[in-house]
Amino acid sequence: MAFNVRQASLSDIPAMIDTYYDAFDGHPFLIRVYGPRSKEMDAHLAKSMESEIQDPNSRYLVLTELNSKGQENIIALGKWLVLTPTSPPSPPLALPAEADVAFVEGFLGVIIKKHKEIMQDRPHWYLDVLGVRRGSRRQGAGQQLLRWGLSKADQDGVETFLAASPAGVPLYEKNGFKIMEQVLLDEGTRLETFMVRPAKKA
């Protein structure tokens, strides 16, 4: 199946929100931060995605395929961050009023802490988001978004970092990532694996 990877534009945001909710259905972050889908949550996510697309550190990608009418459908999302000691700070995460703040502090707080501990101030590419629609999985969509960033990191000659769910670990190991540390999050119900791929030459 022919897929196309390109950088997201602001006009993609409505379709990106559809893909986000489908790809991360059941994820604790989606449940505890955004909750059931509504017009208010769509508006909040749209504003957040607009900020992320415009972030100079961010490379927000969409992976598309053509439907039977020749129209482009977004079936996967990937967000890479390009980080160096001199990178400007990324915009802070804006939480909806209904968000479980204690969960966010415990969940994202640990990820932020481990990211800093493991990578310190070394320049690297960070895979922050990777999500594929449920009906389009196991067709290579996630692999293409992953390879896009890995090739860029190799061009820069730097490491890559990510935090993986148990389901994602085998894919990342096949692509050269090594497990650095594993931590139980969300009251011991979710195992998060912190992984690094060594720098390579393109």
C-alpha atoms as a PDB file:
ATOM      1  CA  MET A   1       0.000   0.000   0.000  1.00  0.00           C
ATOM      2  CA  ALA A   2       1.341   3.423  -0.984  1.00  0.00           C
ATOM      3  CA  PHE A   3       1.627   5.886   1.874  1.00  0.00           C
ATOM      4  CA  ASN A   4       2.835   9.464   1.821  1.00  0.00           C
ATOM      5  CA  VAL A   5       4.623  11.141   4.745  1.00  0.00           C
ATOM      6  CA  ARG A   6       4.586  14.928   4.918  1.00  0.00           C
ATOM      7  CA  GLN A   7       4.702  17.693   7.473  1.00  0.00           C
ATOM      8  CA  ALA A   8       1.333  18.618   8.941  1.00  0.00           C
ATOM      9  CA  SER A   9      -0.335  21.909   8.075  1.00  0.00           C
ATOM     10  CA  LEU A  10      -2.921  23.876  10.004  1.00  0.00           C
ATOM     11  CA  SER A  11      -5.595  22.800   7.520  1.00  0.00           C
ATOM     12  CA  ASP A  12      -4.948  19.162   8.536  1.00  0.00           C
ATOM     13  CA  ILE A  13      -5.987  19.721  12.152  1.00  0.00           C
ATOM     14  CA  PRO A  14      -9.629  18.502  11.959  1.00  0.00           C
ATOM     15  CA  ALA A  15      -8.530  15.215  10.356  1.00  0.00           C
ATOM     16  CA  MET A  16      -5.613  14.971  12.794  1.00  0.00           C
ATOM     17  CA  ILE A  17      -8.024  15.181  15.724  1.00  0.00           C
ATOM     18  CA  ASP A  18     -10.099  12.344  14.246  1.00  0.00           C
ATOM     19  CA  THR A  19      -6.942  10.270  13.859  1.00  0.00           C
ATOM     20  CA  TYR A  20      -5.711  11.141  17.358  1.00  0.00           C
ATOM     21  CA  TYR A  21      -8.900   9.927  19.025  1.00  0.00           C
ATOM     22  CA  ASP A  22      -8.932   6.723  16.971  1.00  0.00           C
ATOM     23  CA  ALA A  23      -5.223   5.937  17.386  1.00  0.00           C
ATOM     24  CA  PHE A  24      -5.100   6.555  21.136  1.00  0.00           C
ATOM     25  CA  ASP A  25      -8.480   5.123  22.074  1.00  0.00           C
ATOM     26  CA  GLY A  26      -8.112   3.579  25.545  1.00  0.00           C
ATOM     27  CA  HIS A  27      -4.775   5.280  26.292  1.00  0.00           C
ATOM     28  CA  PRO A  28      -4.701   6.550  29.895  1.00  0.00           C
ATOM     29  CA  PHE A  29      -3.560  10.004  28.799  1.00  0.00           C
ATOM     30  CA  LEU A  30      -6.522  10.416  26.447  1.00  0.00           C
ATOM     31  CA  ILE A  31      -8.946   9.139  29.081  1.00  0.00           C
ATOM     32  CA  ARG A  32      -7.610  11.094  32.055  1.00  0.00           C
ATOM     33  CA  VAL A  33      -6.729  14.356  30.315  1.00  0.00           C
ATOM     34  CA  TYR A  34      -9.227  14.794  27.483  1.00  0.00           C
ATOM     35  CA  GLY A  35     -12.002  12.388  28.386  1.00  0.00           C
ATOM     36  CA  PRO A  36     -14.991  11.735  26.107  1.00  0.00           C
ATOM     37  CA  ARG A  37     -14.862  13.527  22.792  1.00  0.00           C
ATOM     38  CA  SER A  38     -16.858  16.754  22.580  1.00  0.00           C
ATOM     39  CA  LYS A  39     -16.854  20.026  20.651  1.00  0.00           C
ATOM     40  CA  GLU A  40     -15.080  21.649  23.569  1.00  0.00           C
ATOM     41  CA  MET A  41     -12.331  18.991  23.597  1.00  0.00           C
ATOM     42  CA  ASP A  42     -11.944  19.213  19.817  1.00  0.00           C
ATOM     43  CA  ALA A  43     -11.467  22.972  20.135  1.00  0.00           C
ATOM     44  CA  HIS A  44      -8.890  22.481  22.881  1.00  0.00           C
ATOM     45  CA  LEU A  45      -6.984  19.869  20.880  1.00  0.00           C
ATOM     46  CA  ALA A  46      -7.088  22.067  17.778  1.00  0.00           C
ATOM     47  CA  LYS A  47      -5.466  24.930  19.664  1.00  0.00           C
ATOM     48  CA  SER A  48      -2.850  22.582  21.123  1.00  0.00           C
ATOM     49  CA  MET A  49      -2.029  21.047  17.734  1.00  0.00           C
ATOM     50  CA  GLU A  50      -1.752  24.488  16.146  1.00  0.00           C
ATOM     51  CA  SER A  51       0.831  25.431  18.777  1.00  0.00           C
ATOM     52  CA  GLU A  52       2.733  22.174  18.275  1.00  0.00           C
ATOM     53  CA  ILE A  53       2.808  22.495  14.482  1.00  0.00           C
ATOM     54  CA  GLN A  54       4.208  26.015  14.824  1.00  0.00           C
ATOM     55  CA  ASP A  55       6.784  25.040  17.481  1.00  0.00           C
ATOM     56  CA  PRO A  56      10.264  25.567  15.905  1.00  0.00           C
ATOM     57  CA  ASN A  57      11.531  22.420  17.675  1.00  0.00           C
ATOM     58  CA  SER A  58       8.722  20.273  16.278  1.00  0.00           C
ATOM     59  CA  ARG A  59       8.404  18.224  13.115  1.00  0.00           C
ATOM     60  CA  TYR A  60       4.735  17.202  13.215  1.00  0.00           C
ATOM     61  CA  LEU A  61       4.027  14.648  10.493  1.00  0.00           C
ATOM     62  CA  VAL A  62       0.973  13.066   8.948  1.00  0.00           C
ATOM     63  CA  LEU A  63       0.933   9.840   6.978  1.00  0.00           C
ATOM     64  CA  THR A  64      -1.706   9.688   4.289  1.00  0.00           C
ATOM     65  CA  GLU A  65      -3.215   7.331   1.734  1.00  0.00           C
ATOM     66  CA  LEU A  66      -5.615   7.947  -1.144  1.00  0.00           C
ATOM     67  CA  ASN A  67      -9.157   6.635  -0.855  1.00  0.00           C
ATOM     68  CA  SER A  68     -11.201   5.210  -3.741  1.00  0.00           C
ATOM     69  CA  LYS A  69     -12.162   8.737  -4.810  1.00  0.00           C
ATOM     70  CA  GLY A  70      -8.539   9.865  -4.955  1.00  0.00           C
ATOM     71  CA  GLN A  71      -8.892  11.938  -1.781  1.00  0.00           C
ATOM     72  CA  GLU A  72      -6.150  12.070   0.823  1.00  0.00           C
ATOM     73  CA  ASN A  73      -6.926  10.435   4.175  1.00  0.00           C
ATOM     74  CA  ILE A  74      -4.739  10.907   7.249  1.00  0.00           C
ATOM     75  CA  ILE A  75      -4.239   7.525   8.909  1.00  0.00           C
ATOM     76  CA  ALA A  76      -1.283   8.185  11.225  1.00  0.00           C
ATOM     77  CA  LEU A  77       0.472  10.940  13.160  1.00  0.00           C
ATOM     78  CA  GLY A  78       4.047  11.375  14.267  1.00  0.00           C
ATOM     79  CA  LYS A  79       5.678  14.210  16.161  1.00  0.00           C
ATOM     80  CA  TRP A  80       9.446  14.494  16.411  1.00  0.00           C
ATOM     81  CA  LEU A  81      11.264  17.087  18.515  1.00  0.00           C
ATOM     82  CA  VAL A  82      14.724  18.276  17.477  1.00  0.00           C
ATOM     83  CA  LEU A  83      16.541  19.151  20.694  1.00  0.00           C
ATOM     84  CA  THR A  84      19.905  20.756  21.381  1.00  0.00           C
ATOM     85  CA  PRO A  85      21.291  22.655  24.392  1.00  0.00           C
ATOM     86  CA  THR A  86      20.313  25.913  22.650  1.00  0.00           C
ATOM     87  CA  SER A  87      16.794  24.881  21.551  1.00  0.00           C
ATOM     88  CA  PRO A  88      14.120  27.413  22.519  1.00  0.00           C
ATOM     89  CA  PRO A  89      11.619  26.069  25.049  1.00  0.00           C
ATOM     90  CA  SER A  90       8.611  24.336  23.532  1.00  0.00           C
ATOM     91  CA  PRO A  91       5.182  25.739  24.419  1.00  0.00           C
ATOM     92  CA  PRO A  92       3.848  24.310  27.698  1.00  0.00           C
ATOM     93  CA  LEU A  93       1.093  21.712  27.580  1.00  0.00           C
ATOM     94  CA  ALA A  94      -2.260  23.449  27.924  1.00  0.00           C
ATOM     95  CA  LEU A  95      -4.634  21.298  29.957  1.00  0.00           C
ATOM     96  CA  PRO A  96      -8.425  21.404  29.727  1.00  0.00           C
ATOM     97  CA  ALA A  97     -10.227  22.339  32.924  1.00  0.00           C
ATOM     98  CA  GLU A  98     -11.482  18.761  33.283  1.00  0.00           C
ATOM     99  CA  ALA A  99      -8.006  17.205  33.179  1.00  0.00           C
ATOM    100  CA  ASP A 100      -6.777  14.987  36.026  1.00  0.00           C
ATOM    101  CA  VAL A 101      -3.889  17.230  37.059  1.00  0.00           C
ATOM    102  CA  ALA A 102      -2.462  14.747  39.568  1.00  0.00           C
ATOM    103  CA  PHE A 103      -2.297  12.103  36.837  1.00  0.00           C
ATOM    104  CA  VAL A 104      -0.594  14.498  34.430  1.00  0.00           C
ATOM    105  CA  GLU A 105       2.011  15.465  37.010  1.00  0.00           C
ATOM    106  CA  GLY A 106       2.689  11.832  37.851  1.00  0.00           C
ATOM    107  CA  PHE A 107       2.622  10.492  34.291  1.00  0.00           C
ATOM    108  CA  LEU A 108       4.220  13.265  32.254  1.00  0.00           C
ATOM    109  CA  GLY A 109       6.362  14.365  35.172  1.00  0.00           C
ATOM    110  CA  VAL A 110       8.153  11.019  35.250  1.00  0.00           C
ATOM    111  CA  ILE A 111       8.618  10.975  31.467  1.00  0.00           C
ATOM    112  CA  ILE A 112      10.069  14.497  31.497  1.00  0.00           C
ATOM    113  CA  LYS A 113      12.362  13.596  34.398  1.00  0.00           C
ATOM    114  CA  LYS A 114      13.635  10.366  32.791  1.00  0.00           C
ATOM    115  CA  HIS A 115      14.127  12.089  29.450  1.00  0.00           C
ATOM    116  CA  LYS A 116      16.336  14.685  31.117  1.00  0.00           C
ATOM    117  CA  GLU A 117      18.232  12.122  33.202  1.00  0.00           C
ATOM    118  CA  ILE A 118      18.965   9.864  30.242  1.00  0.00           C
ATOM    119  CA  MET A 119      19.728  12.418  27.517  1.00  0.00           C
ATOM    120  CA  GLN A 120      21.057  15.260  29.695  1.00  0.00           C
ATOM    121  CA  ASP A 121      22.127  18.070  27.341  1.00  0.00           C
ATOM    122  CA  ARG A 122      23.169  15.901  24.380  1.00  0.00           C
ATOM    123  CA  PRO A 123      21.584  16.912  21.058  1.00  0.00           C
ATOM    124  CA  HIS A 124      19.030  14.365  19.887  1.00  0.00           C
ATOM    125  CA  TRP A 125      15.762  13.706  18.098  1.00  0.00           C
ATOM    126  CA  TYR A 126      12.839  12.746  20.340  1.00  0.00           C
ATOM    127  CA  LEU A 127       9.826  10.784  19.094  1.00  0.00           C
ATOM    128  CA  ASP A 128       7.099  12.413  21.172  1.00  0.00           C
ATOM    129  CA  VAL A 129       3.984  11.097  19.384  1.00  0.00           C
ATOM    130  CA  LEU A 130       3.355   8.088  17.145  1.00  0.00           C
ATOM    131  CA  GLY A 131      -0.220   6.960  16.535  1.00  0.00           C
ATOM    132  CA  VAL A 132      -1.856   4.887  13.796  1.00  0.00           C
ATOM    133  CA  ARG A 133      -5.585   4.432  13.215  1.00  0.00           C
ATOM    134  CA  ARG A 134      -6.746   1.038  14.451  1.00  0.00           C
ATOM    135  CA  GLY A 135      -7.934  -0.071  11.006  1.00  0.00           C
ATOM    136  CA  SER A 136      -4.596   0.778   9.390  1.00  0.00           C
ATOM    137  CA  ARG A 137      -2.196  -0.957  11.775  1.00  0.00           C
ATOM    138  CA  ARG A 138       0.299  -3.674  10.796  1.00  0.00           C
ATOM    139  CA  GLN A 139       0.680  -2.199   7.321  1.00  0.00           C
ATOM    140  CA  GLY A 140       3.943  -0.313   7.875  1.00  0.00           C
ATOM    141  CA  ALA A 141       2.491   3.136   8.603  1.00  0.00           C
ATOM    142  CA  GLY A 142       4.187   3.509  11.995  1.00  0.00           C
ATOM    143  CA  GLN A 143       7.445   2.206  10.556  1.00  0.00           C
ATOM    144  CA  GLN A 144       7.446   4.903   7.867  1.00  0.00           C
ATOM    145  CA  LEU A 145       6.940   7.694  10.395  1.00  0.00           C
ATOM    146  CA  LEU A 146       9.682   6.195  12.545  1.00  0.00           C
ATOM    147  CA  ARG A 147      12.125   5.874   9.651  1.00  0.00           C
ATOM    148  CA  TRP A 148      11.501   9.477   8.607  1.00  0.00           C
ATOM    149  CA  GLY A 149      12.831  10.757  11.918  1.00  0.00           C
ATOM    150  CA  LEU A 150      15.634   8.207  12.166  1.00  0.00           C
ATOM    151  CA  SER A 151      16.972   9.245   8.777  1.00  0.00           C
ATOM    152  CA  LYS A 152      16.955  12.896   9.874  1.00  0.00           C
ATOM    153  CA  ALA A 153      18.747  12.022  13.122  1.00  0.00           C
ATOM    154  CA  ASP A 154      21.327  10.038  11.159  1.00  0.00           C
ATOM    155  CA  GLN A 155      21.890  13.028   8.867  1.00  0.00           C
ATOM    156  CA  ASP A 156      22.553  15.103  11.994  1.00  0.00           C
ATOM    157  CA  GLY A 157      24.691  12.343  13.517  1.00  0.00           C
ATOM    158  CA  VAL A 158      22.752  12.364  16.806  1.00  0.00           C
ATOM    159  CA  GLU A 159      20.925   9.931  19.090  1.00  0.00           C
ATOM    160  CA  THR A 160      17.175   9.373  19.190  1.00  0.00           C
ATOM    161  CA  PHE A 161      15.035   8.987  22.310  1.00  0.00           C
ATOM    162  CA  LEU A 162      11.498   7.792  23.035  1.00  0.00           C
ATOM    163  CA  ALA A 163       9.228   6.421  25.748  1.00  0.00           C
ATOM    164  CA  ALA A 164       7.454   3.237  24.622  1.00  0.00           C
ATOM    165  CA  SER A 165       4.450   1.198  25.632  1.00  0.00           C
ATOM    166  CA  PRO A 166       4.986  -2.584  25.870  1.00  0.00           C
ATOM    167  CA  ALA A 167       3.367  -3.010  22.450  1.00  0.00           C
ATOM    168  CA  GLY A 168       5.830  -0.607  20.829  1.00  0.00           C
ATOM    169  CA  VAL A 169       9.071  -1.998  22.274  1.00  0.00           C
ATOM    170  CA  PRO A 170       9.617  -4.789  19.669  1.00  0.00           C
ATOM    171  CA  LEU A 171       9.254  -2.319  16.753  1.00  0.00           C
ATOM    172  CA  TYR A 172      11.737   0.072  18.289  1.00  0.00           C
ATOM    173  CA  GLU A 173      14.230  -2.679  19.131  1.00  0.00           C
ATOM    174  CA  LYS A 174      14.140  -3.814  15.484  1.00  0.00           C
ATOM    175  CA  ASN A 175      15.097  -0.254  14.536  1.00  0.00           C
ATOM    176  CA  GLY A 176      18.160  -0.121  16.776  1.00  0.00           C
ATOM    177  CA  PHE A 177      16.771   1.282  20.031  1.00  0.00           C
ATOM    178  CA  LYS A 178      18.123  -0.029  23.325  1.00  0.00           C
ATOM    179  CA  ILE A 179      16.218  -0.163  26.605  1.00  0.00           C
ATOM    180  CA  MET A 180      17.674   2.284  29.114  1.00  0.00           C
ATOM    181  CA  GLU A 181      15.118   2.048  31.926  1.00  0.00           C
ATOM    182  CA  GLN A 182      11.599   0.819  32.660  1.00  0.00           C
ATOM    183  CA  VAL A 183       9.159   2.440  35.093  1.00  0.00           C
ATOM    184  CA  LEU A 184       5.641   1.560  36.240  1.00  0.00           C
ATOM    185  CA  LEU A 185       3.283   4.519  35.866  1.00  0.00           C
ATOM    186  CA  ASP A 186      -0.377   5.255  36.577  1.00  0.00           C
ATOM    187  CA  GLU A 187      -0.447   3.468  39.945  1.00  0.00           C
ATOM    188  CA  GLY A 188       1.510   0.533  38.599  1.00  0.00           C
ATOM    189  CA  THR A 189      -0.859  -0.223  35.710  1.00  0.00           C
ATOM    190  CA  ARG A 190       1.346   0.886  32.791  1.00  0.00           C
ATOM    191  CA  LEU A 191       4.945  -0.064  32.064  1.00  0.00           C
ATOM    192  CA  GLU A 192       6.801   2.734  30.296  1.00  0.00           C
ATOM    193  CA  THR A 193      10.094   1.853  28.604  1.00  0.00           C
ATOM    194  CA  PHE A 194      12.680   4.546  27.940  1.00  0.00           C
ATOM    195  CA  MET A 195      14.778   3.788  24.883  1.00  0.00           C
ATOM    196  CA  VAL A 196      17.722   5.330  23.019  1.00  0.00           C
ATOM    197  CA  ARG A 197      19.092   4.635  19.564  1.00  0.00           C
ATOM    198  CA  PRO A 198      22.802   5.438  19.233  1.00  0.00           C
ATOM    199  CA  ALA A 199      23.970   8.069  16.799  1.00  0.00           C
ATOM    200  CA  LYS A 200      24.734   6.819  13.305  1.00  0.00           C
ATOM    201  CA  LYS A 201      26.123   8.321  10.181  1.00  0.00           C
ATOM    202  CA  ALA A 202      23.710   8.730   7.276  1.00  0.00           C
END
